[in-house]
């Protein structure tokens, strides 16, 4: 699973709104078509004329080191 931070703008009743959300995806975002699908999904959730400003893939945290056996 890939986790992205998505920043976007949208039309709000008082002007322009800005938001950032975390979204999990099964595949990496690789093309403008992928980004357009995310933008259309935001619009279908009620964000009027949502426009993606940027996105960033979260790095997976490094696994915790294995405990060492006492000698």
N, C-alpha and C. Protein backbone atom coordinates (compact mmCIF):
# COMPACT_ATOMS: atom_id res chain seq x y z
N UNK A 1 0.85 -1.17 0.00
CA UNK A 1 0.00 0.00 0.00
C UNK A 1 0.90 1.24 0.00
N UNK A 2 0.54 2.21 -0.80
CA UNK A 2 1.28 3.47 -0.90
C UNK A 2 0.42 4.57 -0.26
N UNK A 3 1.02 5.38 0.59
CA UNK A 3 0.30 6.47 1.25
C UNK A 3 0.83 7.80 0.72
N UNK A 4 -0.10 8.65 0.33
CA UNK A 4 0.25 9.96 -0.23
C UNK A 4 -0.38 11.08 0.58
N UNK A 5 0.34 12.18 0.66
CA UNK A 5 -0.22 13.44 1.17
C UNK A 5 -0.59 14.23 -0.07
N UNK A 6 -1.86 14.58 -0.20
CA UNK A 6 -2.38 15.31 -1.35
C UNK A 6 -2.79 16.71 -0.89
N UNK A 7 -2.25 17.73 -1.53
CA UNK A 7 -2.65 19.12 -1.26
C UNK A 7 -3.48 19.59 -2.44
N UNK A 8 -4.58 20.28 -2.14
CA UNK A 8 -5.44 20.73 -3.23
C UNK A 8 -6.18 22.00 -2.84
N UNK A 9 -6.67 22.69 -3.87
CA UNK A 9 -7.53 23.85 -3.67
C UNK A 9 -8.91 23.51 -4.21
N UNK A 10 -9.90 24.28 -3.77
CA UNK A 10 -11.27 24.06 -4.23
C UNK A 10 -12.06 25.34 -4.03
N UNK A 11 -13.20 25.43 -4.67
CA UNK A 11 -14.07 26.61 -4.51
C UNK A 11 -14.90 26.43 -3.25
N UNK A 12 -14.73 27.36 -2.32
CA UNK A 12 -15.50 27.36 -1.08
C UNK A 12 -16.53 28.49 -1.14
N UNK A 13 -17.55 28.45 -0.29
CA UNK A 13 -18.57 29.51 -0.32
C UNK A 13 -17.99 30.91 -0.11
N UNK A 14 -16.87 31.01 0.60
CA UNK A 14 -16.29 32.33 0.89
C UNK A 14 -15.08 32.64 0.02
N UNK A 15 -14.78 31.82 -0.96
CA UNK A 15 -13.62 32.04 -1.83
C UNK A 15 -12.93 30.74 -2.15
N UNK A 16 -11.62 30.77 -2.08
CA UNK A 16 -10.84 29.57 -2.38
C UNK A 16 -10.45 28.88 -1.08
N UNK A 17 -10.66 27.57 -1.03
CA UNK A 17 -10.25 26.77 0.12
C UNK A 17 -9.03 25.94 -0.23
N UNK A 18 -8.25 25.62 0.78
CA UNK A 18 -7.08 24.77 0.60
C UNK A 18 -7.17 23.64 1.62
N UNK A 19 -6.74 22.46 1.22
CA UNK A 19 -6.79 21.32 2.13
C UNK A 19 -5.65 20.36 1.81
N UNK A 20 -5.35 19.54 2.78
CA UNK A 20 -4.39 18.47 2.60
C UNK A 20 -4.94 17.22 3.26
N UNK A 21 -4.86 16.11 2.56
CA UNK A 21 -5.38 14.85 3.10
C UNK A 21 -4.40 13.73 2.82
N UNK A 22 -4.47 12.71 3.62
CA UNK A 22 -3.68 11.50 3.41
C UNK A 22 -4.58 10.46 2.74
N UNK A 23 -4.08 9.88 1.65
CA UNK A 23 -4.87 8.90 0.90
C UNK A 23 -4.00 7.67 0.63
N UNK A 24 -4.52 6.47 0.95
CA UNK A 24 -3.79 5.25 0.59
C UNK A 24 -4.17 4.79 -0.82
N UNK A 25 -3.20 4.27 -1.55
CA UNK A 25 -3.43 3.72 -2.89
C UNK A 25 -2.79 2.35 -2.99
N UNK A 26 -3.37 1.51 -3.82
CA UNK A 26 -2.78 0.18 -4.06
C UNK A 26 -1.56 0.27 -4.96
N UNK A 27 -1.52 1.28 -5.82
CA UNK A 27 -0.40 1.46 -6.75
C UNK A 27 0.13 2.88 -6.63
N UNK A 28 1.37 3.09 -7.07
CA UNK A 28 1.95 4.43 -7.07
C UNK A 28 1.26 5.31 -8.11
N UNK A 29 1.22 6.60 -7.82
CA UNK A 29 0.77 7.56 -8.83
C UNK A 29 1.90 7.72 -9.83
N UNK A 30 1.62 7.44 -11.10
CA UNK A 30 2.68 7.43 -12.11
C UNK A 30 2.44 8.36 -13.29
N UNK A 31 1.22 8.82 -13.45
CA UNK A 31 0.92 9.62 -14.64
C UNK A 31 -0.09 10.70 -14.31
N UNK A 32 -0.24 11.61 -15.26
CA UNK A 32 -1.25 12.66 -15.10
C UNK A 32 -2.65 12.05 -15.06
N UNK A 33 -2.86 10.93 -15.74
CA UNK A 33 -4.16 10.26 -15.67
C UNK A 33 -4.47 9.82 -14.24
N UNK A 34 -3.45 9.33 -13.52
CA UNK A 34 -3.64 8.93 -12.12
C UNK A 34 -4.03 10.14 -11.27
N UNK A 35 -3.34 11.25 -11.48
CA UNK A 35 -3.62 12.47 -10.72
C UNK A 35 -5.02 12.99 -11.06
N UNK A 36 -5.40 12.91 -12.31
CA UNK A 36 -6.73 13.35 -12.73
C UNK A 36 -7.81 12.50 -12.07
N UNK A 37 -7.58 11.21 -11.94
CA UNK A 37 -8.55 10.33 -11.26
C UNK A 37 -8.73 10.76 -9.80
N UNK A 38 -7.63 11.09 -9.13
CA UNK A 38 -7.72 11.55 -7.74
C UNK A 38 -8.49 12.86 -7.68
N UNK A 39 -8.19 13.77 -8.57
CA UNK A 39 -8.89 15.06 -8.61
C UNK A 39 -10.39 14.86 -8.84
N UNK A 40 -10.76 13.98 -9.74
CA UNK A 40 -12.18 13.72 -10.00
C UNK A 40 -12.85 13.07 -8.79
N UNK A 41 -12.11 12.23 -8.06
CA UNK A 41 -12.65 11.62 -6.85
C UNK A 41 -12.92 12.69 -5.79
N UNK A 42 -12.00 13.64 -5.64
CA UNK A 42 -12.22 14.74 -4.70
C UNK A 42 -13.45 15.55 -5.09
N UNK A 43 -13.60 15.79 -6.37
CA UNK A 43 -14.77 16.55 -6.85
C UNK A 43 -16.06 15.79 -6.57
N UNK A 44 -16.04 14.46 -6.71
CA UNK A 44 -17.24 13.67 -6.45
C UNK A 44 -17.58 13.64 -4.96
N UNK A 45 -16.60 13.97 -4.11
CA UNK A 45 -16.84 14.02 -2.66
C UNK A 45 -17.31 15.41 -2.20
N UNK A 46 -17.56 16.32 -3.16
CA UNK A 46 -18.13 17.61 -2.83
C UNK A 46 -17.16 18.78 -2.87
N UNK A 47 -15.91 18.55 -3.20
CA UNK A 47 -14.94 19.65 -3.32
C UNK A 47 -15.10 20.25 -4.72
N UNK A 48 -15.78 21.40 -4.79
CA UNK A 48 -16.12 22.01 -6.07
C UNK A 48 -14.85 22.47 -6.79
N UNK A 49 -14.72 22.03 -8.03
CA UNK A 49 -13.57 22.38 -8.88
C UNK A 49 -12.23 22.15 -8.19
N UNK A 50 -12.11 21.02 -7.49
CA UNK A 50 -10.85 20.69 -6.82
C UNK A 50 -9.71 20.62 -7.84
N UNK A 51 -8.56 21.18 -7.46
CA UNK A 51 -7.35 21.14 -8.29
C UNK A 51 -6.20 20.69 -7.40
N UNK A 52 -5.54 19.63 -7.79
CA UNK A 52 -4.42 19.13 -6.99
C UNK A 52 -3.22 20.05 -7.19
N UNK A 53 -2.68 20.52 -6.08
CA UNK A 53 -1.53 21.42 -6.10
C UNK A 53 -0.22 20.64 -5.99
N UNK A 54 -0.26 19.51 -5.31
CA UNK A 54 0.94 18.70 -5.16
C UNK A 54 0.62 17.43 -4.38
N UNK A 55 1.54 16.48 -4.47
CA UNK A 55 1.39 15.25 -3.71
C UNK A 55 2.77 14.72 -3.36
N UNK A 56 2.81 13.95 -2.27
CA UNK A 56 4.08 13.42 -1.80
C UNK A 56 3.86 12.03 -1.23
N UNK A 57 4.69 11.11 -1.65
CA UNK A 57 4.63 9.74 -1.16
C UNK A 57 5.28 9.68 0.21
N UNK A 58 4.57 9.13 1.20
CA UNK A 58 5.15 8.93 2.52
C UNK A 58 6.17 7.81 2.45
N UNK A 59 7.28 7.98 3.12
CA UNK A 59 8.27 6.91 3.20
C UNK A 59 7.81 5.92 4.27
N UNK A 60 8.01 4.66 4.02
CA UNK A 60 7.72 3.66 5.04
C UNK A 60 8.75 3.79 6.15
N UNK A 61 8.32 3.75 7.39
CA UNK A 61 9.30 3.85 8.47
C UNK A 61 10.23 2.63 8.45
N UNK A 62 11.44 2.87 8.85
CA UNK A 62 12.41 1.76 8.91
C UNK A 62 11.94 0.77 9.97
N UNK A 63 12.11 -0.51 9.71
CA UNK A 63 11.68 -1.50 10.71
C UNK A 63 12.53 -1.35 11.98
N UNK A 64 11.91 -1.64 13.10
CA UNK A 64 12.64 -1.57 14.37
C UNK A 64 13.74 -2.61 14.38
N UNK A 65 14.90 -2.30 14.95
CA UNK A 65 15.98 -3.28 14.99
C UNK A 65 15.57 -4.48 15.84
N UNK A 66 16.03 -5.64 15.42
CA UNK A 66 15.74 -6.87 16.17
C UNK A 66 16.48 -6.85 17.49
N UNK A 67 15.84 -7.31 18.56
CA UNK A 67 16.53 -7.34 19.85
C UNK A 67 17.73 -8.29 19.79
N UNK A 68 18.78 -7.88 20.44
CA UNK A 68 20.00 -8.69 20.46
C UNK A 68 19.94 -9.63 21.66
N UNK A 69 20.37 -10.84 21.45
CA UNK A 69 20.39 -11.83 22.53
C UNK A 69 21.54 -11.49 23.49
N UNK A 70 21.27 -11.62 24.79
CA UNK A 70 22.30 -11.36 25.80
C UNK A 70 23.29 -12.52 25.79
N UNK A 71 24.57 -12.22 25.96
CA UNK A 71 25.55 -13.31 25.98
C UNK A 71 26.01 -13.65 27.35
